[in-house]
Protein backbone atom coordinates (compact mmCIF):
# COMPACT_ATOMS: atom_id res chain seq x y z
CA MET A 1 -2.22 -5.44 -11.09
CA ASN A 2 -4.59 -2.48 -10.56
CA VAL A 3 -4.33 0.12 -7.79
CA CYS A 4 -7.03 2.49 -6.66
CA PHE A 5 -6.59 5.52 -4.39
CA VAL A 6 -9.26 6.89 -2.02
CA SER A 7 -8.12 10.39 -1.15
CA ASP A 8 -9.33 13.87 -0.49
CA LYS A 9 -6.15 14.90 -2.30
CA ASN A 10 -4.25 13.31 -5.13
CA SER A 11 -0.73 13.80 -3.88
CA LEU A 12 -0.04 10.12 -3.08
CA LYS A 13 -1.46 8.93 -6.38
CA GLU A 14 0.66 11.52 -8.28
CA ALA A 15 3.80 10.45 -6.26
CA ALA A 16 3.16 6.85 -7.01
CA LEU A 17 2.69 7.45 -10.72
CA GLU A 18 5.96 9.47 -10.75
CA MET A 19 8.14 7.21 -8.64
CA ILE A 20 7.20 3.60 -9.48
CA GLU A 21 8.57 2.63 -12.86
CA GLY A 22 6.79 0.10 -14.94
CA PHE A 23 3.95 0.47 -12.49
CA CYS A 24 0.70 -1.25 -12.85
CA GLU A 25 -2.64 0.24 -13.88
CA ILE A 26 -4.12 2.95 -11.66
CA VAL A 27 -7.72 3.37 -12.22
CA ALA A 28 -10.17 6.22 -11.43
CA LEU A 29 -13.40 4.28 -11.50
CA PRO A 30 -13.14 1.09 -9.49
CA PRO A 31 -13.50 -2.26 -11.17
CA LYS A 32 -15.33 -5.11 -9.58
CA ASN A 33 -11.98 -6.67 -8.46
CA ILE A 34 -9.28 -4.50 -7.09
CA ASP A 35 -5.76 -5.68 -6.34
CA VAL A 36 -4.71 -2.81 -4.14
CA LEU A 37 -6.85 -0.02 -2.57
CA VAL A 38 -4.85 2.73 -0.82
CA LEU A 39 -6.56 4.92 1.67
CA GLU A 40 -5.29 8.52 2.31
CA GLY A 41 -7.20 11.19 4.04
CA ASN A 42 -10.93 11.55 3.96
CA GLY A 43 -11.86 10.49 0.47
CA ASP A 44 -15.22 9.04 -0.44
CA MET A 45 -15.36 5.37 0.04
CA SER A 46 -18.92 4.71 -1.29
CA ALA A 47 -17.75 3.52 -4.80
CA PHE A 48 -15.62 0.74 -3.16
CA ALA A 49 -17.89 -0.65 -0.50
CA ASP A 50 -19.11 -3.60 -2.59
CA ARG A 51 -15.87 -4.26 -4.46
CA ASN A 52 -13.65 -7.34 -4.07
CA ILE A 53 -10.41 -5.95 -2.69
CA ASP A 54 -7.34 -8.12 -2.39
CA THR A 55 -5.24 -5.71 -0.26
CA CYS A 56 -6.20 -2.45 1.46
CA ILE A 57 -3.36 -0.27 2.60
CA PHE A 58 -4.25 2.34 5.22
CA SER A 59 -2.88 4.47 8.09
CA ASN A 60 -4.07 4.56 11.67
CA ALA A 61 -5.76 7.83 10.98
CA ASN A 62 -8.17 6.13 8.57
CA ALA A 63 -8.34 2.60 10.02
CA LEU A 64 -12.02 2.73 10.80
CA LYS A 65 -12.76 3.40 7.11
CA ILE A 66 -11.88 -0.19 6.16
CA LEU A 67 -15.00 -1.25 8.18
CA ASP A 68 -17.04 0.26 5.36
CA LEU A 69 -15.56 -2.28 2.90
CA LYS A 70 -17.27 -5.62 2.69
CA ASN A 71 -14.81 -7.76 0.82
CA VAL A 72 -11.16 -7.18 1.81
CA ASN A 73 -8.75 -10.18 1.80
CA SER A 74 -5.84 -8.46 3.46
CA ALA A 75 -5.52 -5.16 5.45
CA VAL A 76 -2.09 -3.66 5.77
CA SER A 77 -1.48 -0.72 8.05
CA CYS A 78 1.47 1.62 7.29
CA GLY A 79 2.91 3.98 9.88
CA MET A 80 5.23 4.37 12.79
CA GLN A 81 2.88 2.90 15.45
CA ARG A 82 3.99 -0.26 17.21
CA LEU A 83 1.08 -2.34 15.73
CA ASP A 84 1.46 -1.23 12.17
CA THR A 85 2.11 -3.94 9.66
CA VAL A 86 4.64 -1.89 7.66
CA THR A 87 7.08 0.63 9.23
CA PHE A 88 10.54 2.03 9.02
CA SER A 89 13.35 0.44 10.91
CA SER A 90 15.69 3.28 10.10
CA ILE A 91 15.69 6.39 7.93
CA SER A 92 18.67 8.24 6.47
CA GLU A 93 18.83 11.29 4.31
CA ASP A 94 17.94 9.46 1.06
CA SER A 95 17.12 5.93 1.93
CA ALA A 96 15.25 3.93 4.54
CA LEU A 97 14.98 0.39 5.79
CA VAL A 98 11.34 -0.73 5.48
CA CYS A 99 10.15 -3.49 7.89
CA ILE A 100 7.24 -5.77 7.07
CA ARG A 101 6.33 -7.03 10.53
CA ARG A 102 3.73 -9.65 9.76
CA ARG A 103 2.94 -12.08 6.92
CA ILE A 104 1.01 -10.45 4.09
CA ILE A 105 -0.92 -12.39 1.48
CA PHE A 106 -0.95 -10.28 -1.64
CA CYS A 107 -2.51 -11.54 -4.88
CA GLY A 108 -2.08 -15.14 -3.68
CA LYS A 109 1.61 -14.69 -2.85
CA VAL A 110 2.77 -14.94 0.74
CA ILE A 111 5.20 -12.17 1.75
CA GLU A 112 6.93 -13.14 4.99
CA PRO A 113 8.19 -10.61 7.54
CA CYS A 114 11.34 -8.98 6.25
CA GLU A 115 13.29 -5.75 5.85
CA PHE A 116 14.40 -4.15 2.63
CA LYS A 117 16.06 -1.00 1.65
CA ALA A 118 14.08 1.71 -0.21
CA PRO A 119 14.64 5.28 -1.43
CA PHE A 120 13.37 7.91 0.97
CA TYR A 121 11.81 11.07 -0.39
CA SER A 122 11.97 13.51 2.44
CA HIS A 123 9.36 15.93 0.78
CA LEU A 124 6.67 13.22 0.80
CA GLY A 125 6.50 12.35 4.52
CA LEU A 126 6.45 9.01 6.30
CA TYR A 127 3.14 7.46 5.12
CA LYS A 128 3.60 8.25 1.45
CA ASN A 129 7.15 6.88 1.58
CA LEU A 130 5.88 3.63 3.24
CA VAL A 131 3.08 3.21 0.73
CA ILE A 132 5.39 3.82 -2.33
CA SER A 133 7.96 1.43 -1.01
CA LEU A 134 5.38 -1.29 -0.28
CA LEU A 135 3.76 -0.83 -3.73
CA LYS A 136 7.18 -1.23 -5.34
CA TYR A 137 7.81 -4.31 -3.30
CA PHE A 138 4.40 -5.79 -4.35
CA VAL A 139 5.12 -5.13 -8.10
CA GLN A 140 8.50 -6.96 -7.60
CA SER A 141 6.78 -9.93 -5.72
CA ILE A 142 4.36 -10.39 -8.55
CA GLY A 143 7.15 -10.69 -11.03
CA GLU A 144 8.88 -13.49 -9.06
CA ASN A 145 8.07 -17.17 -9.66
CA ASN A 146 8.19 -18.23 -5.98
CA GLU A 147 5.08 -18.39 -3.86
CA THR A 148 6.82 -16.82 -0.90
CA VAL A 149 8.78 -13.58 -1.07
């Protein structure tokens, strides 16, 4: 699995590298086929416009940016808005309950709506915690043999 980050800052990429053990490849220059593209801030999207992207993760703040992408199989919004695909059901001091509200098809696997417990890193903020939790869940889902997670 490869993951690319589009960001005007590298804080989410650095946090993902630090907190996701056994994580997949994170690439600087985009390959033709991208498993996950994570949008954060106002990064330059030009290198990704003609790439084949399986899943694009974004927040409401940069939702319009996905319109610049030509080939996206699945768009997943993360945040605390009522229409976001992934959100928190509850948050405690060091953990959170992550809620996937709609079916996501990721790398050919169907991920059904569900909730799962994840660590919560208060210094990262909501969006970064959601993205890191979801990426960990994606890594786990690829490792399983079932088609539905």
